[in-house]
Amino acid sequence: MWQSPALFHHTPGRASDAPGGPELPPGPGSVPDHGSMVTTRIRQRSASTAIALAALGAALISTAPAAFAADTIEVSGASTSAVAIDYACDADAGVVAIQALVGDPNADHPSAQGTPVTPTCDGSRHQATIALSTATGGGPLASGQVVQVRAGLVDENQMVIKGTAKVLPLE
């Protein structure tokens, strides 16, 4: 078989070096020289990989604020007349109010309920103070009394979107 010297580069150590020897594929360690074509393909593959990774990174960064701005609510303190709440909610979460109930941790009903507060839902952390009033069937609250405070971000149907409960002494 005739081979043009311009199209074939001799690779030392091939079986075809012996006269009449079989034409075998290159073995390990023998790499045919295809000039800059291999280098160009490697560079194109590297560039494509870098572009794909950059696009993936940009997608993760652009969705990160939504992931970090999850609805949260925490009770930071309580007195006989009010509950302090730290919260965050997204504008599209459907939260229309923050509500709180306070009572003995072992009771089956609250001693006081909070006046609902309209939250600011913009994904940032905020604080709210919820005024308390005596609940139906509830007794008076006293400073130092250990109570359970239940607070929640609620939607227009009074369904809790995110809630929390904390046992603490009243200030």
N, C-alpha and C. Protein backbone atom coordinates (compact mmCIF):
# COMPACT_ATOMS: atom_id res chain seq x y z
N MET A 1 0.84 -1.15 0.00
CA MET A 1 0.00 0.00 0.00
C MET A 1 0.89 1.22 0.00
N TRP A 2 0.57 2.14 -0.86
CA TRP A 2 1.39 3.33 -0.99
C TRP A 2 0.91 4.41 -0.03
N GLN A 3 1.78 5.07 0.69
CA GLN A 3 1.44 6.12 1.63
C GLN A 3 2.30 7.33 1.32
N SER A 4 1.66 8.46 1.25
CA SER A 4 2.37 9.71 0.97
C SER A 4 3.12 10.14 2.21
N PRO A 5 4.38 10.56 2.09
CA PRO A 5 5.13 11.02 3.26
C PRO A 5 4.47 12.22 3.93
N ALA A 6 3.73 13.01 3.20
CA ALA A 6 3.08 14.19 3.79
C ALA A 6 1.90 13.81 4.66
N LEU A 7 1.29 12.66 4.41
CA LEU A 7 0.11 12.24 5.16
C LEU A 7 0.42 11.25 6.27
N PHE A 8 1.61 10.65 6.21
CA PHE A 8 1.93 9.66 7.21
C PHE A 8 3.21 10.04 7.92
N HIS A 9 3.16 10.03 9.18
CA HIS A 9 4.36 10.30 9.97
C HIS A 9 4.78 8.99 10.59
N HIS A 10 6.02 8.60 10.37
CA HIS A 10 6.53 7.34 10.88
C HIS A 10 6.67 7.41 12.40
N THR A 11 6.10 6.41 13.08
CA THR A 11 6.21 6.31 14.53
C THR A 11 7.13 5.15 14.84
N PRO A 12 8.29 5.41 15.45
CA PRO A 12 9.23 4.31 15.74
C PRO A 12 8.59 3.29 16.68
N GLY A 13 8.98 2.03 16.49
CA GLY A 13 8.53 0.97 17.37
C GLY A 13 7.24 0.32 16.92
N ARG A 14 6.75 0.65 15.75
CA ARG A 14 5.53 0.01 15.27
C ARG A 14 5.86 -1.32 14.63
N ALA A 15 4.90 -2.22 14.64
CA ALA A 15 5.10 -3.55 14.06
C ALA A 15 5.36 -3.47 12.57
N SER A 16 4.93 -2.40 11.93
CA SER A 16 5.11 -2.28 10.48
C SER A 16 6.55 -1.92 10.14
N ASP A 17 7.43 -1.71 11.16
CA ASP A 17 8.82 -1.43 10.88
C ASP A 17 9.51 -2.64 10.27
N ALA A 18 9.09 -3.82 10.66
CA ALA A 18 9.68 -5.03 10.09
C ALA A 18 9.10 -5.24 8.71
N PRO A 19 9.92 -5.66 7.76
CA PRO A 19 9.39 -5.89 6.42
C PRO A 19 8.30 -6.96 6.45
N GLY A 20 7.17 -6.63 5.87
CA GLY A 20 6.06 -7.57 5.77
C GLY A 20 5.30 -7.72 7.08
N GLY A 21 5.59 -6.89 8.06
CA GLY A 21 4.93 -6.97 9.36
C GLY A 21 3.50 -6.45 9.28
N PRO A 22 2.64 -6.89 10.19
CA PRO A 22 1.24 -6.44 10.17
C PRO A 22 1.12 -4.97 10.59
N GLU A 23 0.11 -4.33 10.08
CA GLU A 23 -0.19 -2.94 10.43
C GLU A 23 -1.03 -2.97 11.71
N LEU A 24 -0.46 -2.58 12.84
CA LEU A 24 -1.14 -2.61 14.12
C LEU A 24 -1.43 -1.18 14.57
N PRO A 25 -2.44 -1.01 15.38
CA PRO A 25 -2.69 0.33 15.92
C PRO A 25 -1.54 0.73 16.83
N PRO A 26 -1.35 2.01 17.02
CA PRO A 26 -0.26 2.44 17.89
C PRO A 26 -0.44 1.88 19.29
N GLY A 27 0.65 1.51 19.92
CA GLY A 27 0.62 0.97 21.27
C GLY A 27 0.67 2.10 22.29
N PRO A 28 0.63 1.75 23.56
CA PRO A 28 0.70 2.78 24.59
C PRO A 28 2.04 3.50 24.52
N GLY A 29 1.99 4.78 24.65
CA GLY A 29 3.21 5.57 24.60
C GLY A 29 3.57 6.06 23.22
N SER A 30 3.00 5.45 22.17
CA SER A 30 3.28 5.96 20.82
C SER A 30 2.11 6.81 20.39
N VAL A 31 2.38 8.04 20.10
CA VAL A 31 1.34 8.99 19.74
C VAL A 31 1.64 9.51 18.35
N PRO A 32 0.71 9.30 17.40
CA PRO A 32 0.95 9.86 16.07
C PRO A 32 0.90 11.37 16.13
N ASP A 33 1.70 11.99 15.33
CA ASP A 33 1.75 13.45 15.29
C ASP A 33 0.78 13.95 14.24
N HIS A 34 -0.24 14.61 14.66
CA HIS A 34 -1.20 15.20 13.74
C HIS A 34 -1.05 16.70 13.71
N GLY A 35 0.06 17.18 14.15
CA GLY A 35 0.35 18.61 14.09
C GLY A 35 -0.52 19.40 15.03
N SER A 36 -0.89 20.58 14.61
CA SER A 36 -1.63 21.50 15.46
C SER A 36 -3.10 21.14 15.59
N MET A 37 -3.60 20.17 14.81
CA MET A 37 -5.00 19.81 14.88
C MET A 37 -5.36 19.30 16.30
N VAL A 38 -4.50 18.47 16.88
CA VAL A 38 -4.76 17.95 18.21
C VAL A 38 -4.74 19.08 19.23
N THR A 39 -3.75 19.96 19.12
CA THR A 39 -3.63 21.09 20.03
C THR A 39 -4.85 21.99 19.93
N THR A 40 -5.33 22.22 18.72
CA THR A 40 -6.50 23.07 18.51
C THR A 40 -7.73 22.43 19.14
N ARG A 41 -7.88 21.11 18.97
CA ARG A 41 -9.04 20.44 19.58
C ARG A 41 -8.99 20.51 21.09
N ILE A 42 -7.80 20.33 21.66
CA ILE A 42 -7.66 20.41 23.12
C ILE A 42 -8.00 21.81 23.60
N ARG A 43 -7.51 22.81 22.90
CA ARG A 43 -7.81 24.19 23.30
C ARG A 43 -9.29 24.48 23.16
N GLN A 44 -9.92 23.98 22.09
CA GLN A 44 -11.36 24.21 21.93
C GLN A 44 -12.14 23.51 23.03
N ARG A 45 -11.74 22.31 23.40
CA ARG A 45 -12.42 21.57 24.45
C ARG A 45 -12.24 22.29 25.79
N SER A 46 -11.03 22.78 26.04
CA SER A 46 -10.78 23.51 27.29
C SER A 46 -11.60 24.79 27.34
N ALA A 47 -11.66 25.50 26.22
CA ALA A 47 -12.45 26.73 26.18
C ALA A 47 -13.93 26.43 26.37
N SER A 48 -14.42 25.36 25.75
CA SER A 48 -15.83 25.00 25.90
C SER A 48 -16.14 24.61 27.34
N THR A 49 -15.23 23.88 27.96
CA THR A 49 -15.42 23.49 29.36
C THR A 49 -15.43 24.72 30.26
N ALA A 50 -14.51 25.65 30.02
CA ALA A 50 -14.45 26.87 30.83
C ALA A 50 -15.73 27.69 30.67
N ILE A 51 -16.24 27.79 29.45
CA ILE A 51 -17.48 28.54 29.21
C ILE A 51 -18.65 27.87 29.91
N ALA A 52 -18.71 26.54 29.84
CA ALA A 52 -19.81 25.82 30.50
C ALA A 52 -19.75 26.01 32.02
N LEU A 53 -18.54 25.93 32.60
CA LEU A 53 -18.41 26.13 34.04
C LEU A 53 -18.74 27.56 34.45
N ALA A 54 -18.35 28.52 33.63
CA ALA A 54 -18.67 29.92 33.93
C ALA A 54 -20.19 30.15 33.88
N ALA A 55 -20.85 29.55 32.91
CA ALA A 55 -22.31 29.68 32.80
C ALA A 55 -23.00 29.03 34.00
N LEU A 56 -22.50 27.88 34.43
CA LEU A 56 -23.07 27.20 35.60
C LEU A 56 -22.87 28.06 36.85
N GLY A 57 -21.68 28.63 37.01
CA GLY A 57 -21.41 29.50 38.15
C GLY A 57 -22.32 30.71 38.16
N ALA A 58 -22.51 31.32 36.99
CA ALA A 58 -23.39 32.49 36.89
C ALA A 58 -24.83 32.11 37.24
N ALA A 59 -25.27 30.94 36.82
CA ALA A 59 -26.63 30.50 37.14
C ALA A 59 -26.79 30.28 38.64
N LEU A 60 -25.79 29.70 39.28
CA LEU A 60 -25.86 29.48 40.73
C LEU A 60 -25.87 30.80 41.49
N ILE A 61 -25.06 31.74 41.05
CA ILE A 61 -25.00 33.03 41.73
C ILE A 61 -26.31 33.80 41.55
N SER A 62 -26.90 33.72 40.36
CA SER A 62 -28.14 34.47 40.12
C SER A 62 -29.32 33.90 40.90
N THR A 63 -29.28 32.60 41.22
CA THR A 63 -30.38 32.02 42.00
C THR A 63 -30.08 32.03 43.50
N ALA A 64 -28.87 32.36 43.88
CA ALA A 64 -28.49 32.34 45.30
C ALA A 64 -29.34 33.27 46.17
N PRO A 65 -29.64 34.52 45.76
CA PRO A 65 -30.44 35.37 46.63
C PRO A 65 -31.79 34.76 46.97
N ALA A 66 -32.42 34.07 46.02
CA ALA A 66 -33.71 33.45 46.29
C ALA A 66 -33.57 32.34 47.33
N ALA A 67 -32.48 31.60 47.24
CA ALA A 67 -32.28 30.52 48.20
C ALA A 67 -31.99 31.05 49.60
N PHE A 68 -31.24 32.14 49.71
CA PHE A 68 -30.88 32.69 51.00
C PHE A 68 -32.00 33.52 51.61
N ALA A 69 -32.98 33.92 50.84
CA ALA A 69 -34.04 34.79 51.34
C ALA A 69 -35.27 33.97 51.74
N ALA A 70 -35.05 32.79 52.28
CA ALA A 70 -36.17 31.94 52.68
C ALA A 70 -36.94 32.60 53.82
N ASP A 71 -38.22 32.25 53.93
CA ASP A 71 -39.05 32.79 55.00
C ASP A 71 -38.54 32.27 56.34
N THR A 72 -38.29 33.19 57.28
CA THR A 72 -37.82 32.82 58.61
C THR A 72 -38.56 33.65 59.65
N ILE A 73 -38.68 33.07 60.84
CA ILE A 73 -39.28 33.80 61.96
C ILE A 73 -38.67 33.27 63.25
N GLU A 74 -38.30 34.19 64.14
CA GLU A 74 -37.70 33.83 65.42
C GLU A 74 -38.26 34.75 66.50
N VAL A 75 -38.48 34.20 67.68
CA VAL A 75 -38.90 35.00 68.83
C VAL A 75 -37.62 35.46 69.51
N SER A 76 -37.43 36.78 69.62
CA SER A 76 -36.20 37.28 70.25
C SER A 76 -36.43 37.71 71.70
N GLY A 77 -37.69 37.84 72.12
CA GLY A 77 -37.97 38.22 73.50
C GLY A 77 -39.46 38.38 73.72
N ALA A 78 -39.86 38.43 74.99
CA ALA A 78 -41.28 38.60 75.32
C ALA A 78 -41.41 39.25 76.69
N SER A 79 -42.44 40.05 76.82
CA SER A 79 -42.78 40.67 78.10
C SER A 79 -44.26 40.38 78.36
N THR A 80 -44.80 40.94 79.43
CA THR A 80 -46.21 40.73 79.73
C THR A 80 -47.12 41.45 78.75
N SER A 81 -46.56 42.40 77.98
CA SER A 81 -47.41 43.19 77.08
C SER A 81 -47.05 43.08 75.60
N ALA A 82 -45.90 42.46 75.25
CA ALA A 82 -45.50 42.41 73.84
C ALA A 82 -44.52 41.27 73.58
N VAL A 83 -44.43 40.89 72.31
CA VAL A 83 -43.48 39.87 71.85
C VAL A 83 -42.62 40.51 70.77
N ALA A 84 -41.29 40.30 70.86
CA ALA A 84 -40.36 40.80 69.84
C ALA A 84 -40.06 39.66 68.86
N ILE A 85 -40.20 39.96 67.59
CA ILE A 85 -40.05 38.97 66.52
C ILE A 85 -39.00 39.46 65.53
N ASP A 86 -38.08 38.56 65.12
CA ASP A 86 -37.17 38.79 63.99
C ASP A 86 -37.69 37.92 62.86
N TYR A 87 -37.80 38.50 61.66
CA TYR A 87 -38.37 37.73 60.56
C TYR A 87 -37.81 38.19 59.22
N ALA A 88 -38.04 37.36 58.21
CA ALA A 88 -37.75 37.68 56.82
C ALA A 88 -38.74 36.91 55.97
N CYS A 89 -39.21 37.54 54.91
CA CYS A 89 -40.10 36.85 53.97
C CYS A 89 -39.96 37.47 52.59
N ASP A 90 -40.22 36.67 51.58
CA ASP A 90 -40.17 37.14 50.20
C ASP A 90 -41.51 37.77 49.82
N ALA A 91 -41.46 38.68 48.88
CA ALA A 91 -42.68 39.35 48.42
C ALA A 91 -43.69 38.37 47.85
N ASP A 92 -43.22 37.30 47.21
CA ASP A 92 -44.13 36.35 46.59
C ASP A 92 -44.51 35.18 47.52
N ALA A 93 -44.18 35.28 48.80
CA ALA A 93 -44.48 34.19 49.75
C ALA A 93 -45.95 34.16 50.16
N GLY A 94 -46.67 35.24 49.97
CA GLY A 94 -48.08 35.27 50.35
C GLY A 94 -48.33 35.62 51.81
N VAL A 95 -47.31 36.10 52.50
CA VAL A 95 -47.45 36.45 53.92
C VAL A 95 -48.20 37.77 54.03
N VAL A 96 -49.27 37.79 54.84
CA VAL A 96 -50.05 39.02 55.03
C VAL A 96 -50.01 39.50 56.48
N ALA A 97 -49.56 38.64 57.42
CA ALA A 97 -49.53 39.06 58.83
C ALA A 97 -48.54 38.22 59.62
N ILE A 98 -48.14 38.78 60.76
CA ILE A 98 -47.37 38.04 61.76
C ILE A 98 -48.28 37.93 62.98
N GLN A 99 -48.46 36.73 63.49
CA GLN A 99 -49.32 36.53 64.65
C GLN A 99 -48.55 35.81 65.74
N ALA A 100 -48.99 36.02 66.99
CA ALA A 100 -48.33 35.37 68.13
C ALA A 100 -49.35 34.98 69.19
N LEU A 101 -49.06 33.89 69.88
CA LEU A 101 -49.84 33.40 71.02
C LEU A 101 -48.86 33.14 72.15
N VAL A 102 -49.25 33.45 73.39
CA VAL A 102 -48.39 33.26 74.55
C VAL A 102 -49.20 32.53 75.63
N GLY A 103 -48.56 31.57 76.27
CA GLY A 103 -49.25 30.87 77.34
C GLY A 103 -48.35 29.89 78.05
N ASP A 104 -48.89 29.24 79.08
CA ASP A 104 -48.17 28.21 79.81
C ASP A 104 -47.80 27.10 78.84
N PRO A 105 -46.55 26.59 78.90
CA PRO A 105 -46.13 25.53 77.97
C PRO A 105 -46.97 24.26 78.04
N ASN A 106 -47.63 24.01 79.19
CA ASN A 106 -48.43 22.78 79.33
C ASN A 106 -49.93 23.01 79.17
N ALA A 107 -50.34 24.22 78.88
CA ALA A 107 -51.77 24.54 78.76
C ALA A 107 -52.29 24.11 77.40
N ASP A 108 -53.63 23.97 77.33
CA ASP A 108 -54.26 23.61 76.05
C ASP A 108 -54.80 24.82 75.31
N HIS A 109 -54.59 26.02 75.87
CA HIS A 109 -55.01 27.25 75.19
C HIS A 109 -54.07 28.39 75.63
N PRO A 110 -53.98 29.44 74.82
CA PRO A 110 -53.07 30.54 75.16
C PRO A 110 -53.64 31.45 76.25
N SER A 111 -52.76 32.11 76.96
CA SER A 111 -53.16 33.12 77.94
C SER A 111 -53.34 34.48 77.28
N ALA A 112 -52.54 34.73 76.23
CA ALA A 112 -52.61 36.02 75.53
C ALA A 112 -52.40 35.78 74.03
N GLN A 113 -52.96 36.69 73.27
CA GLN A 113 -52.77 36.63 71.82
C GLN A 113 -52.27 37.98 71.33
N GLY A 114 -51.52 37.94 70.27
CA GLY A 114 -50.97 39.17 69.73
C GLY A 114 -51.88 39.79 68.70
N THR A 115 -51.83 41.12 68.63
CA THR A 115 -52.54 41.83 67.57
C THR A 115 -51.74 41.63 66.29
N PRO A 116 -52.35 41.09 65.22
CA PRO A 116 -51.60 40.82 63.99
C PRO A 116 -50.89 42.09 63.47
N VAL A 117 -49.67 41.89 63.00
CA VAL A 117 -48.85 42.97 62.46
C VAL A 117 -48.62 42.68 60.98
N THR A 118 -48.72 43.71 60.15
CA THR A 118 -48.44 43.56 58.72
C THR A 118 -46.93 43.60 58.50
N PRO A 119 -46.37 42.55 57.89
CA PRO A 119 -44.93 42.50 57.71
C PRO A 119 -44.44 43.24 56.46
N THR A 120 -43.15 43.50 56.42
CA THR A 120 -42.48 44.01 55.23
C THR A 120 -41.78 42.82 54.60
N CYS A 121 -42.29 42.34 53.49
CA CYS A 121 -41.72 41.15 52.85
C CYS A 121 -40.91 41.56 51.62
N ASP A 122 -39.61 41.71 51.83
CA ASP A 122 -38.72 42.08 50.73
C ASP A 122 -37.46 41.22 50.72
N GLY A 123 -37.48 40.12 51.47
CA GLY A 123 -36.33 39.23 51.54
C GLY A 123 -35.30 39.62 52.58
N SER A 124 -35.42 40.81 53.18
CA SER A 124 -34.47 41.28 54.19
C SER A 124 -34.96 40.93 55.59
N ARG A 125 -34.03 40.93 56.54
CA ARG A 125 -34.38 40.69 57.94
C ARG A 125 -35.01 41.94 58.53
N HIS A 126 -36.08 41.76 59.30
CA HIS A 126 -36.79 42.86 59.95
C HIS A 126 -37.13 42.46 61.38
N GLN A 127 -37.54 43.44 62.17
CA GLN A 127 -38.01 43.20 63.52
C GLN A 127 -39.42 43.74 63.65
N ALA A 128 -40.22 43.06 64.44
CA ALA A 128 -41.59 43.52 64.69
C ALA A 128 -41.88 43.32 66.17
N THR A 129 -42.71 44.20 66.69
CA THR A 129 -43.19 44.08 68.06
C THR A 129 -44.69 43.86 68.00
N ILE A 130 -45.13 42.78 68.60
CA ILE A 130 -46.54 42.42 68.58
C ILE A 130 -47.12 42.66 69.97
N ALA A 131 -48.10 43.56 70.04
CA ALA A 131 -48.76 43.86 71.32
C ALA A 131 -49.65 42.69 71.72
N LEU A 132 -49.66 42.38 73.01
CA LEU A 132 -50.45 41.26 73.54
C LEU A 132 -51.70 41.75 74.26
N SER A 133 -52.75 40.95 74.15
CA SER A 133 -53.97 41.18 74.92
C SER A 133 -54.43 39.83 75.46
N THR A 134 -55.21 39.84 76.53
CA THR A 134 -55.66 38.60 77.16
C THR A 134 -56.55 37.82 76.18
N ALA A 135 -56.25 36.55 76.04
CA ALA A 135 -57.04 35.68 75.15
C ALA A 135 -58.29 35.21 75.88
N THR A 136 -59.28 34.78 75.13
CA THR A 136 -60.51 34.24 75.71
C THR A 136 -60.16 33.03 76.57
N GLY A 137 -60.55 33.06 77.83
CA GLY A 137 -60.25 31.96 78.74
C GLY A 137 -58.83 32.00 79.29
N GLY A 138 -58.05 33.01 78.93
CA GLY A 138 -56.67 33.10 79.39
C GLY A 138 -56.56 33.87 80.68
N GLY A 139 -55.49 33.58 81.40
CA GLY A 139 -55.25 34.27 82.66
C GLY A 139 -54.19 35.35 82.48
N PRO A 140 -53.94 36.11 83.52
CA PRO A 140 -52.95 37.18 83.43
C PRO A 140 -51.53 36.62 83.33
N LEU A 141 -50.66 37.39 82.69
CA LEU A 141 -49.25 37.03 82.59
C LEU A 141 -48.46 37.81 83.64
N ALA A 142 -47.40 37.21 84.17
CA ALA A 142 -46.58 37.87 85.19
C ALA A 142 -45.11 37.85 84.78
N SER A 143 -44.38 38.90 85.12
CA SER A 143 -42.95 38.94 84.84
C SER A 143 -42.26 37.76 85.49
N GLY A 144 -41.32 37.14 84.77
CA GLY A 144 -40.61 35.98 85.28
C GLY A 144 -41.31 34.66 85.01
N GLN A 145 -42.59 34.72 84.64
CA GLN A 145 -43.34 33.50 84.34
C GLN A 145 -42.75 32.84 83.09
N VAL A 146 -42.56 31.52 83.13
CA VAL A 146 -42.06 30.78 81.97
C VAL A 146 -43.26 30.48 81.07
N VAL A 147 -43.14 30.92 79.82
CA VAL A 147 -44.24 30.75 78.87
C VAL A 147 -43.70 30.17 77.56
N GLN A 148 -44.64 29.69 76.78
CA GLN A 148 -44.31 29.30 75.42
C GLN A 148 -44.89 30.36 74.50
N VAL A 149 -44.05 30.88 73.59
CA VAL A 149 -44.50 31.85 72.59
C VAL A 149 -44.54 31.13 71.26
N ARG A 150 -45.68 31.18 70.63
CA ARG A 150 -45.82 30.63 69.27
C ARG A 150 -46.06 31.80 68.35
N ALA A 151 -45.24 31.88 67.30
CA ALA A 151 -45.37 32.98 66.34
C ALA A 151 -45.35 32.41 64.94
N GLY A 152 -46.02 33.10 64.03
CA GLY A 152 -46.07 32.61 62.66
C GLY A 152 -46.28 33.69 61.63
N LEU A 153 -45.73 33.43 60.45
CA LEU A 153 -46.02 34.24 59.26
C LEU A 153 -47.22 33.56 58.62
N VAL A 154 -48.33 34.29 58.48
CA VAL A 154 -49.57 33.68 58.00
C VAL A 154 -50.04 34.30 56.69
N ASP A 155 -50.79 33.51 55.92
CA ASP A 155 -51.34 34.01 54.66
C ASP A 155 -52.75 34.56 54.88
N GLU A 156 -53.41 34.94 53.81
CA GLU A 156 -54.74 35.57 53.92
C GLU A 156 -55.80 34.62 54.47
N ASN A 157 -55.57 33.31 54.42
CA ASN A 157 -56.52 32.32 54.96
C ASN A 157 -56.15 31.89 56.38
N GLN A 158 -55.26 32.64 57.03
CA GLN A 158 -54.79 32.35 58.39
C GLN A 158 -54.02 31.03 58.48
N MET A 159 -53.48 30.58 57.36
CA MET A 159 -52.64 29.38 57.34
C MET A 159 -51.20 29.81 57.61
N VAL A 160 -50.51 29.08 58.48
CA VAL A 160 -49.13 29.40 58.82
C VAL A 160 -48.20 28.99 57.69
N ILE A 161 -47.46 29.95 57.15
CA ILE A 161 -46.47 29.68 56.11
C ILE A 161 -45.17 29.23 56.77
N LYS A 162 -44.79 29.92 57.83
CA LYS A 162 -43.60 29.57 58.60
C LYS A 162 -43.88 29.91 60.05
N GLY A 163 -43.62 28.97 60.95
CA GLY A 163 -43.90 29.20 62.35
C GLY A 163 -42.76 28.77 63.25
N THR A 164 -42.84 29.20 64.51
CA THR A 164 -41.83 28.84 65.49
C THR A 164 -42.47 28.81 66.88
N ALA A 165 -41.83 28.13 67.79
CA ALA A 165 -42.27 28.11 69.19
C ALA A 165 -41.02 28.19 70.06
N LYS A 166 -41.11 28.97 71.13
CA LYS A 166 -39.97 29.14 72.03
C LYS A 166 -40.47 29.26 73.46
N VAL A 167 -39.82 28.52 74.35
CA VAL A 167 -40.14 28.63 75.78
C VAL A 167 -39.11 29.56 76.39
N LEU A 168 -39.62 30.59 77.13
CA LEU A 168 -38.75 31.58 77.75
C LEU A 168 -39.46 32.27 78.90
N PRO A 169 -38.71 32.88 79.81
CA PRO A 169 -39.35 33.64 80.89
C PRO A 169 -39.73 35.04 80.39
N LEU A 170 -40.85 35.53 80.84
CA LEU A 170 -41.28 36.89 80.46
C LEU A 170 -40.42 37.92 81.18
N GLU A 171 -40.11 38.98 80.51
CA GLU A 171 -39.32 40.07 81.09
C GLU A 171 -40.20 40.95 81.94
